[in-house]
Amino acid sequence: MKLDRKHLLTGLIVLVAAALVLFKYRDYVLNPWTRDGQVRADVIQITPRVTGPIVELPIKDNQFVRAGDLLFRIDPRTFEAEQDRARAQLDETGDTVRALEKQVEAATAAVEVARGNIVRAESQIAGYDATIEQRKAEFDRQEELLPQKATSQRSLEQAKAAYLVALQERRTAEAQLLQVKANLLESQATLAEAEAQLGEIGDANPQVRSSLA
């Protein structure tokens, strides 16, 4: 009987010692320490792309995680509202960009019209130059014929009047040419301003990039 008690007591002591060793080992693994060493833990900062209150935290302290594991869930209402605001801003920016594109198209058309007007005005002046040359020749001829009694004073005056009219028409055409050239410069300035406001086309546009940021 004494032997059984002795064996039982020995087994109990061994069991308690094993439990203490296991406990200390587990404590050392989870909380390592040393008298003359330093233990450093790697800390990885996790920063979400959106902010907001955390509504779910499925992991525990010191839990092993793998890539793709859910660490926490943020209240979606926060960034959904921000997403709606950004989408509305993007739509507004799209409307602005389309309006600027229309302005560029209109300014480009105005430049082409002004260039066409210049071509027509220059052609008109060239026509007046030919007319002036003809009427000047007729006027000179009438002046030579009048002393010879080969023409009348009336014919001379008519030739002179026609020549003066041609000169006046050319001066008017020159003024019109200056005006259409000024219109061209104005249209080109408007086009340059519209293109500067529009910027690049598509996602490269600074206004679009700002809305997508």
N, C-alpha and C. Protein backbone atom coordinates (compact mmCIF):
# COMPACT_ATOMS: atom_id res chain seq x y z
N MET A 1 0.83 -1.21 0.00
CA MET A 1 0.00 0.00 0.00
C MET A 1 0.86 1.26 0.00
N LYS A 2 1.95 1.20 0.83
CA LYS A 2 2.86 2.33 0.87
C LYS A 2 3.54 2.51 -0.47
N LEU A 3 3.82 1.37 -1.17
CA LEU A 3 4.48 1.44 -2.47
C LEU A 3 3.59 2.10 -3.50
N ASP A 4 2.31 1.76 -3.47
CA ASP A 4 1.38 2.37 -4.44
C ASP A 4 1.28 3.88 -4.21
N ARG A 5 1.23 4.26 -2.94
CA ARG A 5 1.16 5.69 -2.64
C ARG A 5 2.43 6.40 -3.11
N LYS A 6 3.55 5.71 -2.92
CA LYS A 6 4.82 6.30 -3.34
C LYS A 6 4.86 6.49 -4.84
N HIS A 7 4.42 5.44 -5.57
CA HIS A 7 4.38 5.54 -7.03
C HIS A 7 3.41 6.62 -7.49
N LEU A 8 2.27 6.69 -6.83
CA LEU A 8 1.27 7.69 -7.20
C LEU A 8 1.80 9.11 -6.97
N LEU A 9 2.47 9.28 -5.82
CA LEU A 9 3.02 10.59 -5.51
C LEU A 9 4.11 10.97 -6.51
N THR A 10 4.95 9.98 -6.87
CA THR A 10 6.01 10.24 -7.84
C THR A 10 5.42 10.63 -9.20
N GLY A 11 4.41 9.89 -9.63
CA GLY A 11 3.77 10.19 -10.92
C GLY A 11 3.12 11.56 -10.92
N LEU A 12 2.52 11.90 -9.76
CA LEU A 12 1.88 13.21 -9.66
C LEU A 12 2.91 14.32 -9.76
N ILE A 13 4.05 14.11 -9.08
CA ILE A 13 5.12 15.12 -9.13
C ILE A 13 5.65 15.28 -10.55
N VAL A 14 5.85 14.14 -11.23
CA VAL A 14 6.34 14.18 -12.61
C VAL A 14 5.33 14.91 -13.51
N LEU A 15 4.05 14.62 -13.30
CA LEU A 15 3.00 15.25 -14.13
C LEU A 15 2.97 16.76 -13.91
N VAL A 16 3.08 17.16 -12.62
CA VAL A 16 3.07 18.59 -12.32
C VAL A 16 4.31 19.26 -12.90
N ALA A 17 5.46 18.58 -12.81
CA ALA A 17 6.70 19.15 -13.36
C ALA A 17 6.59 19.30 -14.88
N ALA A 18 6.01 18.28 -15.52
CA ALA A 18 5.85 18.35 -16.98
C ALA A 18 4.92 19.49 -17.36
N ALA A 19 3.86 19.67 -16.56
CA ALA A 19 2.92 20.76 -16.85
C ALA A 19 3.59 22.11 -16.69
N LEU A 20 4.43 22.23 -15.63
CA LEU A 20 5.15 23.49 -15.42
C LEU A 20 6.13 23.77 -16.55
N VAL A 21 6.84 22.72 -16.99
CA VAL A 21 7.78 22.89 -18.10
C VAL A 21 7.04 23.32 -19.36
N LEU A 22 5.91 22.67 -19.64
CA LEU A 22 5.13 23.01 -20.83
C LEU A 22 4.60 24.45 -20.75
N PHE A 23 4.16 24.84 -19.57
CA PHE A 23 3.64 26.20 -19.39
C PHE A 23 4.74 27.23 -19.61
N LYS A 24 5.93 26.96 -19.00
CA LYS A 24 7.03 27.90 -19.15
C LYS A 24 7.50 27.98 -20.61
N TYR A 25 7.50 26.82 -21.27
CA TYR A 25 7.93 26.81 -22.68
C TYR A 25 6.95 27.62 -23.53
N ARG A 26 5.67 27.41 -23.29
CA ARG A 26 4.65 28.16 -24.05
C ARG A 26 4.77 29.65 -23.75
N ASP A 27 5.00 30.01 -22.49
CA ASP A 27 5.15 31.41 -22.12
C ASP A 27 6.38 32.02 -22.77
N TYR A 28 7.45 31.22 -22.87
CA TYR A 28 8.68 31.72 -23.49
C TYR A 28 8.50 31.93 -25.00
N VAL A 29 7.75 31.02 -25.63
CA VAL A 29 7.51 31.15 -27.07
C VAL A 29 6.67 32.39 -27.36
N LEU A 30 5.64 32.59 -26.54
CA LEU A 30 4.76 33.73 -26.78
C LEU A 30 5.37 35.04 -26.29
N ASN A 31 6.15 34.97 -25.22
CA ASN A 31 6.76 36.17 -24.65
C ASN A 31 8.24 35.90 -24.38
N PRO A 32 9.05 35.83 -25.44
CA PRO A 32 10.46 35.49 -25.25
C PRO A 32 11.20 36.60 -24.51
N TRP A 33 12.19 36.20 -23.71
CA TRP A 33 13.00 37.17 -22.98
C TRP A 33 14.36 36.57 -22.72
N THR A 34 15.29 37.43 -22.37
CA THR A 34 16.64 36.99 -22.01
C THR A 34 17.23 38.04 -21.09
N ARG A 35 18.17 37.65 -20.28
CA ARG A 35 18.76 38.58 -19.32
C ARG A 35 19.68 39.59 -19.99
N ASP A 36 20.39 39.17 -21.03
CA ASP A 36 21.40 40.05 -21.62
C ASP A 36 21.21 40.23 -23.12
N GLY A 37 20.04 39.97 -23.66
CA GLY A 37 19.78 40.12 -25.09
C GLY A 37 18.63 41.08 -25.34
N GLN A 38 18.38 41.36 -26.61
CA GLN A 38 17.28 42.22 -27.01
C GLN A 38 16.43 41.49 -28.03
N VAL A 39 15.18 41.63 -27.91
CA VAL A 39 14.23 41.01 -28.84
C VAL A 39 13.54 42.14 -29.60
N ARG A 40 13.55 42.06 -30.94
CA ARG A 40 12.92 43.09 -31.76
C ARG A 40 11.85 42.44 -32.63
N ALA A 41 10.71 43.02 -32.64
CA ALA A 41 9.60 42.50 -33.46
C ALA A 41 9.43 43.40 -34.68
N ASP A 42 9.18 42.78 -35.82
CA ASP A 42 8.89 43.54 -37.04
C ASP A 42 7.44 43.99 -37.01
N VAL A 43 7.25 45.28 -37.14
CA VAL A 43 5.91 45.85 -37.15
C VAL A 43 5.60 46.35 -38.56
N ILE A 44 4.54 45.87 -39.12
CA ILE A 44 4.13 46.27 -40.46
C ILE A 44 2.91 47.18 -40.35
N GLN A 45 3.07 48.39 -40.83
CA GLN A 45 1.96 49.33 -40.81
C GLN A 45 0.99 49.02 -41.95
N ILE A 46 -0.26 48.98 -41.62
CA ILE A 46 -1.30 48.72 -42.63
C ILE A 46 -2.15 49.98 -42.74
N THR A 47 -2.17 50.54 -43.94
CA THR A 47 -2.93 51.76 -44.17
C THR A 47 -3.98 51.51 -45.25
N PRO A 48 -5.24 51.63 -44.93
CA PRO A 48 -6.27 51.40 -45.96
C PRO A 48 -6.32 52.54 -46.96
N ARG A 49 -6.82 52.25 -48.14
CA ARG A 49 -6.95 53.28 -49.17
C ARG A 49 -8.10 54.23 -48.87
N VAL A 50 -9.04 53.77 -48.05
CA VAL A 50 -10.15 54.63 -47.64
C VAL A 50 -10.20 54.64 -46.12
N THR A 51 -10.82 55.65 -45.56
CA THR A 51 -10.93 55.78 -44.12
C THR A 51 -12.39 55.68 -43.69
N GLY A 52 -12.57 55.37 -42.41
CA GLY A 52 -13.91 55.26 -41.88
C GLY A 52 -13.93 54.36 -40.66
N PRO A 53 -15.05 54.30 -39.96
CA PRO A 53 -15.16 53.45 -38.78
C PRO A 53 -15.05 51.97 -39.15
N ILE A 54 -14.37 51.19 -38.29
CA ILE A 54 -14.24 49.74 -38.50
C ILE A 54 -15.48 49.07 -37.91
N VAL A 55 -16.16 48.29 -38.72
CA VAL A 55 -17.39 47.62 -38.28
C VAL A 55 -17.17 46.12 -38.08
N GLU A 56 -16.03 45.60 -38.51
CA GLU A 56 -15.76 44.16 -38.34
C GLU A 56 -14.26 43.96 -38.20
N LEU A 57 -13.86 43.14 -37.20
CA LEU A 57 -12.45 42.85 -36.96
C LEU A 57 -12.32 41.34 -36.72
N PRO A 58 -12.20 40.55 -37.80
CA PRO A 58 -12.25 39.09 -37.67
C PRO A 58 -10.96 38.45 -37.14
N ILE A 59 -9.87 39.21 -36.97
CA ILE A 59 -8.62 38.61 -36.50
C ILE A 59 -8.37 38.99 -35.05
N LYS A 60 -7.49 38.21 -34.40
CA LYS A 60 -7.13 38.44 -33.00
C LYS A 60 -5.67 38.84 -32.91
N ASP A 61 -5.27 39.31 -31.75
CA ASP A 61 -3.87 39.70 -31.53
C ASP A 61 -2.94 38.52 -31.76
N ASN A 62 -1.82 38.79 -32.45
CA ASN A 62 -0.77 37.80 -32.72
C ASN A 62 -1.24 36.63 -33.59
N GLN A 63 -2.34 36.82 -34.27
CA GLN A 63 -2.82 35.76 -35.16
C GLN A 63 -2.03 35.78 -36.46
N PHE A 64 -1.67 34.59 -36.94
CA PHE A 64 -0.99 34.48 -38.23
C PHE A 64 -1.99 34.74 -39.35
N VAL A 65 -1.58 35.55 -40.29
CA VAL A 65 -2.44 35.86 -41.43
C VAL A 65 -1.66 35.64 -42.71
N ARG A 66 -2.40 35.45 -43.78
CA ARG A 66 -1.80 35.27 -45.10
C ARG A 66 -2.31 36.35 -46.04
N ALA A 67 -1.63 36.50 -47.16
CA ALA A 67 -2.06 37.47 -48.16
C ALA A 67 -3.47 37.16 -48.62
N GLY A 68 -4.31 38.16 -48.61
CA GLY A 68 -5.70 37.97 -49.03
C GLY A 68 -6.66 37.79 -47.88
N ASP A 69 -6.14 37.54 -46.65
CA ASP A 69 -7.03 37.39 -45.50
C ASP A 69 -7.67 38.73 -45.15
N LEU A 70 -8.91 38.66 -44.72
CA LEU A 70 -9.63 39.86 -44.30
C LEU A 70 -9.12 40.29 -42.93
N LEU A 71 -8.57 41.48 -42.83
CA LEU A 71 -8.05 41.99 -41.57
C LEU A 71 -9.10 42.80 -40.82
N PHE A 72 -9.82 43.61 -41.53
CA PHE A 72 -10.88 44.41 -40.93
C PHE A 72 -11.80 44.90 -42.04
N ARG A 73 -12.98 45.30 -41.65
CA ARG A 73 -13.94 45.82 -42.61
C ARG A 73 -14.35 47.23 -42.18
N ILE A 74 -14.24 48.16 -43.12
CA ILE A 74 -14.60 49.55 -42.85
C ILE A 74 -16.05 49.80 -43.25
N ASP A 75 -16.71 50.61 -42.47
CA ASP A 75 -18.10 50.97 -42.78
C ASP A 75 -18.17 51.52 -44.21
N PRO A 76 -18.86 50.81 -45.12
CA PRO A 76 -18.86 51.22 -46.53
C PRO A 76 -19.58 52.53 -46.79
N ARG A 77 -20.42 52.95 -45.86
CA ARG A 77 -21.20 54.16 -46.13
C ARG A 77 -20.30 55.39 -46.29
N THR A 78 -19.17 55.37 -45.59
CA THR A 78 -18.26 56.52 -45.67
C THR A 78 -17.70 56.70 -47.06
N PHE A 79 -17.07 55.62 -47.59
CA PHE A 79 -16.45 55.78 -48.91
C PHE A 79 -17.45 55.66 -50.04
N GLU A 80 -18.62 55.06 -49.79
CA GLU A 80 -19.65 55.05 -50.83
C GLU A 80 -20.15 56.47 -51.09
N ALA A 81 -20.32 57.24 -50.00
CA ALA A 81 -20.72 58.64 -50.17
C ALA A 81 -19.64 59.43 -50.90
N GLU A 82 -18.37 59.16 -50.55
CA GLU A 82 -17.27 59.82 -51.23
C GLU A 82 -17.21 59.40 -52.70
N GLN A 83 -17.51 58.13 -52.95
CA GLN A 83 -17.51 57.64 -54.33
C GLN A 83 -18.62 58.32 -55.14
N ASP A 84 -19.79 58.46 -54.52
CA ASP A 84 -20.88 59.15 -55.22
C ASP A 84 -20.51 60.60 -55.51
N ARG A 85 -19.86 61.25 -54.55
CA ARG A 85 -19.44 62.63 -54.77
C ARG A 85 -18.41 62.72 -55.90
N ALA A 86 -17.45 61.77 -55.89
CA ALA A 86 -16.43 61.78 -56.94
C ALA A 86 -17.04 61.50 -58.31
N ARG A 87 -18.03 60.58 -58.34
CA ARG A 87 -18.67 60.27 -59.62
C ARG A 87 -19.44 61.49 -60.14
N ALA A 88 -20.12 62.19 -59.23
CA ALA A 88 -20.83 63.41 -59.64
C ALA A 88 -19.86 64.47 -60.14
N GLN A 89 -18.71 64.59 -59.45
CA GLN A 89 -17.70 65.56 -59.89
C GLN A 89 -17.14 65.18 -61.25
N LEU A 90 -16.94 63.86 -61.46
CA LEU A 90 -16.43 63.40 -62.76
C LEU A 90 -17.43 63.69 -63.87
N ASP A 91 -18.73 63.46 -63.57
CA ASP A 91 -19.76 63.77 -64.57
C ASP A 91 -19.78 65.26 -64.90
N GLU A 92 -19.65 66.08 -63.85
CA GLU A 92 -19.63 67.53 -64.07
C GLU A 92 -18.41 67.93 -64.89
N THR A 93 -17.28 67.31 -64.57
CA THR A 93 -16.06 67.60 -65.33
C THR A 93 -16.22 67.17 -66.78
N GLY A 94 -16.87 66.02 -66.98
CA GLY A 94 -17.12 65.56 -68.35
C GLY A 94 -17.97 66.56 -69.13
N ASP A 95 -18.99 67.11 -68.46
CA ASP A 95 -19.82 68.13 -69.13
C ASP A 95 -18.98 69.37 -69.48
N THR A 96 -18.12 69.75 -68.54
CA THR A 96 -17.26 70.92 -68.79
C THR A 96 -16.32 70.67 -69.96
N VAL A 97 -15.72 69.47 -69.98
CA VAL A 97 -14.79 69.13 -71.06
C VAL A 97 -15.50 69.11 -72.40
N ARG A 98 -16.71 68.53 -72.41
CA ARG A 98 -17.46 68.49 -73.67
C ARG A 98 -17.83 69.90 -74.14
N ALA A 99 -18.18 70.77 -73.20
CA ALA A 99 -18.48 72.16 -73.56
C ALA A 99 -17.24 72.85 -74.13
N LEU A 100 -16.08 72.58 -73.52
CA LEU A 100 -14.84 73.16 -74.04
C LEU A 100 -14.50 72.60 -75.41
N GLU A 101 -14.79 71.33 -75.63
CA GLU A 101 -14.56 70.74 -76.95
C GLU A 101 -15.42 71.43 -78.00
N LYS A 102 -16.67 71.74 -77.63
CA LYS A 102 -17.55 72.48 -78.55
C LYS A 102 -16.98 73.86 -78.85
N GLN A 103 -16.43 74.50 -77.81
CA GLN A 103 -15.83 75.82 -78.02
C GLN A 103 -14.63 75.73 -78.96
N VAL A 104 -13.83 74.68 -78.79
CA VAL A 104 -12.67 74.49 -79.68
C VAL A 104 -13.14 74.27 -81.11
N GLU A 105 -14.19 73.45 -81.28
CA GLU A 105 -14.72 73.21 -82.62
C GLU A 105 -15.23 74.51 -83.25
N ALA A 106 -15.98 75.30 -82.46
CA ALA A 106 -16.51 76.57 -82.98
C ALA A 106 -15.38 77.54 -83.32
N ALA A 107 -14.37 77.60 -82.44
CA ALA A 107 -13.24 78.51 -82.70
C ALA A 107 -12.45 78.06 -83.91
N THR A 108 -12.30 76.75 -84.08
CA THR A 108 -11.59 76.23 -85.26
C THR A 108 -12.35 76.59 -86.53
N ALA A 109 -13.67 76.44 -86.49
CA ALA A 109 -14.49 76.80 -87.65
C ALA A 109 -14.38 78.30 -87.95
N ALA A 110 -14.35 79.12 -86.89
CA ALA A 110 -14.23 80.57 -87.09
C ALA A 110 -12.89 80.93 -87.73
N VAL A 111 -11.83 80.21 -87.33
CA VAL A 111 -10.51 80.44 -87.93
C VAL A 111 -10.54 80.10 -89.42
N GLU A 112 -11.17 78.99 -89.76
CA GLU A 112 -11.24 78.58 -91.17
C GLU A 112 -12.07 79.58 -91.98
N VAL A 113 -13.16 80.07 -91.39
CA VAL A 113 -13.98 81.07 -92.08
C VAL A 113 -13.17 82.34 -92.32
N ALA A 114 -12.43 82.79 -91.30
CA ALA A 114 -11.62 84.00 -91.44
C ALA A 114 -10.55 83.83 -92.51
N ARG A 115 -9.94 82.66 -92.56
CA ARG A 115 -8.93 82.41 -93.60
C ARG A 115 -9.56 82.43 -94.99
N GLY A 116 -10.77 81.86 -95.10
CA GLY A 116 -11.47 81.91 -96.38
C GLY A 116 -11.81 83.32 -96.79
N ASN A 117 -12.21 84.13 -95.80
CA ASN A 117 -12.53 85.54 -96.10
C ASN A 117 -11.29 86.30 -96.58
N ILE A 118 -10.14 85.97 -96.00
CA ILE A 118 -8.90 86.62 -96.44
C ILE A 118 -8.58 86.26 -97.89
N VAL A 119 -8.75 84.98 -98.21
CA VAL A 119 -8.48 84.55 -99.59
C VAL A 119 -9.40 85.28 -100.56
N ARG A 120 -10.69 85.38 -100.19
CA ARG A 120 -11.64 86.06 -101.08
C ARG A 120 -11.32 87.55 -101.19
N ALA A 121 -10.95 88.18 -100.07
CA ALA A 121 -10.63 89.61 -100.10
C ALA A 121 -9.39 89.88 -100.94
N GLU A 122 -8.39 89.02 -100.82
CA GLU A 122 -7.18 89.19 -101.62
C GLU A 122 -7.47 88.98 -103.11
N SER A 123 -8.35 88.00 -103.39
CA SER A 123 -8.73 87.77 -104.79
C SER A 123 -9.51 88.97 -105.34
N GLN A 124 -10.35 89.54 -104.48
CA GLN A 124 -11.13 90.71 -104.91
C GLN A 124 -10.21 91.90 -105.19
N ILE A 125 -9.20 92.09 -104.36
CA ILE A 125 -8.25 93.18 -104.58
C ILE A 125 -7.48 92.96 -105.88
N ALA A 126 -7.10 91.71 -106.13
CA ALA A 126 -6.40 91.42 -107.39
C ALA A 126 -7.29 91.76 -108.59
N GLY A 127 -8.60 91.49 -108.47
CA GLY A 127 -9.53 91.84 -109.53
C GLY A 127 -9.63 93.35 -109.72
N TYR A 128 -9.66 94.08 -108.59
CA TYR A 128 -9.71 95.54 -108.68
C TYR A 128 -8.44 96.09 -109.31
N ASP A 129 -7.30 95.47 -109.01
CA ASP A 129 -6.04 95.93 -109.61
C ASP A 129 -6.10 95.82 -111.14
N ALA A 130 -6.65 94.70 -111.61
CA ALA A 130 -6.78 94.53 -113.06
C ALA A 130 -7.74 95.56 -113.65
N THR A 131 -8.84 95.81 -112.93
CA THR A 131 -9.82 96.80 -113.40
C THR A 131 -9.21 98.21 -113.42
N ILE A 132 -8.47 98.51 -112.35
CA ILE A 132 -7.82 99.83 -112.29
C ILE A 132 -6.86 100.02 -113.46
N GLU A 133 -6.10 98.98 -113.73
CA GLU A 133 -5.14 99.07 -114.85
C GLU A 133 -5.86 99.33 -116.17
N GLN A 134 -6.97 98.64 -116.38
CA GLN A 134 -7.74 98.82 -117.62
C GLN A 134 -8.34 100.23 -117.70
N ARG A 135 -8.94 100.66 -116.59
CA ARG A 135 -9.61 101.97 -116.61
C ARG A 135 -8.60 103.11 -116.66
N LYS A 136 -7.44 102.91 -116.07
CA LYS A 136 -6.39 103.94 -116.16
C LYS A 136 -5.90 104.06 -117.61
N ALA A 137 -5.77 102.91 -118.25
CA ALA A 137 -5.34 102.94 -119.66
C ALA A 137 -6.38 103.64 -120.53
N GLU A 138 -7.67 103.39 -120.27
CA GLU A 138 -8.73 104.06 -121.03
C GLU A 138 -8.75 105.56 -120.75
N PHE A 139 -8.57 105.91 -119.49
CA PHE A 139 -8.54 107.34 -119.14
C PHE A 139 -7.37 108.04 -119.83
N ASP A 140 -6.19 107.42 -119.81
CA ASP A 140 -5.03 108.01 -120.50
C ASP A 140 -5.28 108.14 -122.00
N ARG A 141 -5.93 107.13 -122.55
CA ARG A 141 -6.22 107.16 -124.00
C ARG A 141 -7.17 108.30 -124.33
N GLN A 142 -8.19 108.49 -123.51
CA GLN A 142 -9.15 109.57 -123.74
C GLN A 142 -8.46 110.94 -123.63
N GLU A 143 -7.52 111.05 -122.68
CA GLU A 143 -6.80 112.32 -122.55
C GLU A 143 -5.95 112.62 -123.79
N GLU A 144 -5.40 111.58 -124.40
CA GLU A 144 -4.59 111.78 -125.61
C GLU A 144 -5.46 112.11 -126.84
N LEU A 145 -6.66 111.52 -126.85
CA LEU A 145 -7.54 111.72 -128.01
C LEU A 145 -8.24 113.07 -128.00
N LEU A 146 -8.48 113.61 -126.81
CA LEU A 146 -9.27 114.84 -126.73
C LEU A 146 -8.61 116.01 -127.48
N PRO A 147 -7.31 116.28 -127.34
CA PRO A 147 -6.71 117.38 -128.11
C PRO A 147 -6.79 117.17 -129.61
N GLN A 148 -6.88 115.89 -130.00
CA GLN A 148 -6.94 115.58 -131.43
C GLN A 148 -8.38 115.62 -131.95
N LYS A 149 -9.30 115.99 -131.05
CA LYS A 149 -10.72 116.01 -131.43
C LYS A 149 -11.23 114.63 -131.83
N ALA A 150 -10.52 113.56 -131.33
CA ALA A 150 -10.92 112.20 -131.68
C ALA A 150 -11.86 111.61 -130.63
N THR A 151 -12.18 112.37 -129.60
CA THR A 151 -13.12 111.94 -128.57
C THR A 151 -13.78 113.17 -128.00
N SER A 152 -14.74 112.95 -127.11
CA SER A 152 -15.47 114.08 -126.54
C SER A 152 -15.07 114.28 -125.07
N GLN A 153 -15.39 115.47 -124.59
CA GLN A 153 -15.13 115.76 -123.17
C GLN A 153 -15.94 114.83 -122.28
N ARG A 154 -17.12 114.51 -122.72
CA ARG A 154 -18.00 113.62 -121.96
C ARG A 154 -17.35 112.25 -121.81
N SER A 155 -16.79 111.72 -122.90
CA SER A 155 -16.14 110.40 -122.85
C SER A 155 -14.94 110.43 -121.92
N LEU A 156 -14.21 111.55 -121.95
CA LEU A 156 -13.06 111.68 -121.05
C LEU A 156 -13.50 111.68 -119.59
N GLU A 157 -14.55 112.43 -119.30
CA GLU A 157 -15.04 112.50 -117.93
C GLU A 157 -15.57 111.15 -117.46
N GLN A 158 -16.23 110.44 -118.34
CA GLN A 158 -16.73 109.11 -117.98
C GLN A 158 -15.57 108.14 -117.69
N ALA A 159 -14.52 108.21 -118.50
CA ALA A 159 -13.36 107.34 -118.29
C ALA A 159 -12.68 107.68 -116.96
N LYS A 160 -12.60 109.00 -116.67
CA LYS A 160 -12.00 109.42 -115.41
C LYS A 160 -12.83 108.95 -114.22
N ALA A 161 -14.14 109.11 -114.32
CA ALA A 161 -15.03 108.69 -113.23
C ALA A 161 -14.92 107.19 -112.98
N ALA A 162 -14.89 106.42 -114.07
CA ALA A 162 -14.77 104.97 -113.93
C ALA A 162 -13.45 104.59 -113.26
N TYR A 163 -12.39 105.31 -113.60
CA TYR A 163 -11.08 105.05 -113.01
C TYR A 163 -11.09 105.36 -111.51
N LEU A 164 -11.69 106.49 -111.14
CA LEU A 164 -11.76 106.88 -109.73
C LEU A 164 -12.62 105.91 -108.92
N VAL A 165 -13.70 105.43 -109.52
CA VAL A 165 -14.55 104.45 -108.85
C VAL A 165 -13.76 103.17 -108.55
N ALA A 166 -12.97 102.73 -109.53
CA ALA A 166 -12.16 101.53 -109.35
C ALA A 166 -11.15 101.71 -108.22
N LEU A 167 -10.55 102.91 -108.14
CA LEU A 167 -9.61 103.18 -107.05
C LEU A 167 -10.30 103.13 -105.68
N GLN A 168 -11.50 103.71 -105.61
CA GLN A 168 -12.25 103.71 -104.35
C GLN A 168 -12.66 102.29 -103.96
N GLU A 169 -13.08 101.51 -104.93
CA GLU A 169 -13.46 100.12 -104.64
C GLU A 169 -12.26 99.33 -104.10
N ARG A 170 -11.08 99.61 -104.65
CA ARG A 170 -9.90 98.91 -104.15
C ARG A 170 -9.58 99.32 -102.71
N ARG A 171 -9.70 100.61 -102.40
CA ARG A 171 -9.46 101.07 -101.03
C ARG A 171 -10.43 100.42 -100.06
N THR A 172 -11.69 100.31 -100.49
CA THR A 172 -12.69 99.64 -99.65
C THR A 172 -12.32 98.17 -99.43
N ALA A 173 -11.88 97.52 -100.51
CA ALA A 173 -11.48 96.11 -100.40
C ALA A 173 -10.27 95.95 -99.48
N GLU A 174 -9.34 96.90 -99.52
CA GLU A 174 -8.17 96.85 -98.64
C GLU A 174 -8.59 96.97 -97.17
N ALA A 175 -9.55 97.85 -96.91
CA ALA A 175 -10.05 98.01 -95.54
C ALA A 175 -10.73 96.72 -95.08
N GLN A 176 -11.49 96.10 -95.98
CA GLN A 176 -12.14 94.83 -95.65
C GLN A 176 -11.11 93.74 -95.38
N LEU A 177 -10.02 93.75 -96.16
CA LEU A 177 -8.96 92.76 -95.95
C LEU A 177 -8.33 92.93 -94.58
N LEU A 178 -8.07 94.18 -94.18
CA LEU A 178 -7.51 94.42 -92.85
C LEU A 178 -8.46 93.93 -91.76
N GLN A 179 -9.76 94.11 -91.98
CA GLN A 179 -10.75 93.68 -90.99
C GLN A 179 -10.78 92.15 -90.88
N VAL A 180 -10.78 91.46 -92.01
CA VAL A 180 -10.85 89.99 -91.95
C VAL A 180 -9.55 89.42 -91.38
N LYS A 181 -8.42 90.11 -91.60
CA LYS A 181 -7.17 89.67 -90.98
C LYS A 181 -7.23 89.85 -89.46
N ALA A 182 -7.85 90.96 -89.03
CA ALA A 182 -8.04 91.16 -87.59
C ALA A 182 -8.97 90.10 -87.02
N ASN A 183 -10.01 89.76 -87.80
CA ASN A 183 -10.92 88.69 -87.37
C ASN A 183 -10.19 87.37 -87.22
N LEU A 184 -9.25 87.11 -88.15
CA LEU A 184 -8.48 85.87 -88.07
C LEU A 184 -7.64 85.83 -86.80
N LEU A 185 -6.98 86.93 -86.49
CA LEU A 185 -6.16 86.98 -85.27
C LEU A 185 -7.03 86.77 -84.03
N GLU A 186 -8.20 87.39 -84.02
CA GLU A 186 -9.11 87.23 -82.89
C GLU A 186 -9.59 85.78 -82.78
N SER A 187 -9.92 85.18 -83.91
CA SER A 187 -10.38 83.78 -83.90
C SER A 187 -9.27 82.84 -83.45
N GLN A 188 -8.04 83.11 -83.88
CA GLN A 188 -6.91 82.29 -83.47
C GLN A 188 -6.65 82.42 -81.97
N ALA A 189 -6.80 83.63 -81.44
CA ALA A 189 -6.63 83.83 -79.99
C ALA A 189 -7.71 83.09 -79.21
N THR A 190 -8.95 83.15 -79.71
CA THR A 190 -10.05 82.44 -79.07
C THR A 190 -9.80 80.94 -79.10
N LEU A 191 -9.31 80.44 -80.24
CA LEU A 191 -9.01 79.01 -80.36
C LEU A 191 -7.91 78.61 -79.40
N ALA A 192 -6.85 79.40 -79.32
CA ALA A 192 -5.74 79.08 -78.41
C ALA A 192 -6.21 79.05 -76.96
N GLU A 193 -7.06 80.00 -76.60
CA GLU A 193 -7.58 80.05 -75.23
C GLU A 193 -8.45 78.83 -74.94
N ALA A 194 -9.31 78.46 -75.89
CA ALA A 194 -10.18 77.30 -75.70
C ALA A 194 -9.36 76.02 -75.60
N GLU A 195 -8.33 75.89 -76.43
CA GLU A 195 -7.47 74.70 -76.39
C GLU A 195 -6.70 74.64 -75.07
N ALA A 196 -6.27 75.80 -74.56
CA ALA A 196 -5.55 75.83 -73.29
C ALA A 196 -6.47 75.43 -72.14
N GLN A 197 -7.72 75.88 -72.18
CA GLN A 197 -8.68 75.51 -71.14
C GLN A 197 -9.03 74.03 -71.22
N LEU A 198 -9.12 73.52 -72.45
CA LEU A 198 -9.48 72.11 -72.62
C LEU A 198 -8.32 71.22 -72.21
N GLY A 199 -7.11 71.56 -72.62
CA GLY A 199 -5.97 70.70 -72.33
C GLY A 199 -5.97 69.50 -73.24
N GLU A 200 -5.41 68.39 -72.74
CA GLU A 200 -5.30 67.19 -73.54
C GLU A 200 -6.64 66.46 -73.58
N ILE A 201 -6.77 65.57 -74.55
CA ILE A 201 -8.01 64.82 -74.74
C ILE A 201 -7.97 63.54 -73.90
N GLY A 202 -9.14 63.13 -73.37
CA GLY A 202 -9.24 61.85 -72.68
C GLY A 202 -8.75 61.93 -71.24
N ASP A 203 -8.27 60.78 -70.71
CA ASP A 203 -7.83 60.71 -69.32
C ASP A 203 -6.61 61.56 -69.05
N ALA A 204 -5.90 61.96 -70.11
CA ALA A 204 -4.73 62.82 -69.92
C ALA A 204 -5.12 64.25 -69.59
N ASN A 205 -6.39 64.58 -69.77
CA ASN A 205 -6.85 65.94 -69.48
C ASN A 205 -6.67 66.23 -67.99
N PRO A 206 -6.07 67.37 -67.62
CA PRO A 206 -5.82 67.67 -66.21
C PRO A 206 -7.10 67.74 -65.38
N GLN A 207 -8.18 68.24 -65.97
CA GLN A 207 -9.44 68.31 -65.23
C GLN A 207 -9.98 66.91 -64.95
N VAL A 208 -9.85 66.02 -65.93
CA VAL A 208 -10.30 64.64 -65.74
C VAL A 208 -9.43 63.94 -64.71
N ARG A 209 -8.11 64.14 -64.81
CA ARG A 209 -7.21 63.51 -63.84
C ARG A 209 -7.52 63.97 -62.43
N SER A 210 -7.84 65.25 -62.28
CA SER A 210 -8.17 65.78 -60.96
C SER A 210 -9.43 65.12 -60.42
N SER A 211 -10.41 64.87 -61.29
CA SER A 211 -11.66 64.23 -60.85
C SER A 211 -11.45 62.76 -60.53
N LEU A 212 -10.50 62.12 -61.24
CA LEU A 212 -10.24 60.70 -61.01
C LEU A 212 -9.34 60.47 -59.81
N ALA A 213 -8.67 61.50 -59.33
CA ALA A 213 -7.72 61.32 -58.23
C ALA A 213 -8.45 60.94 -56.94
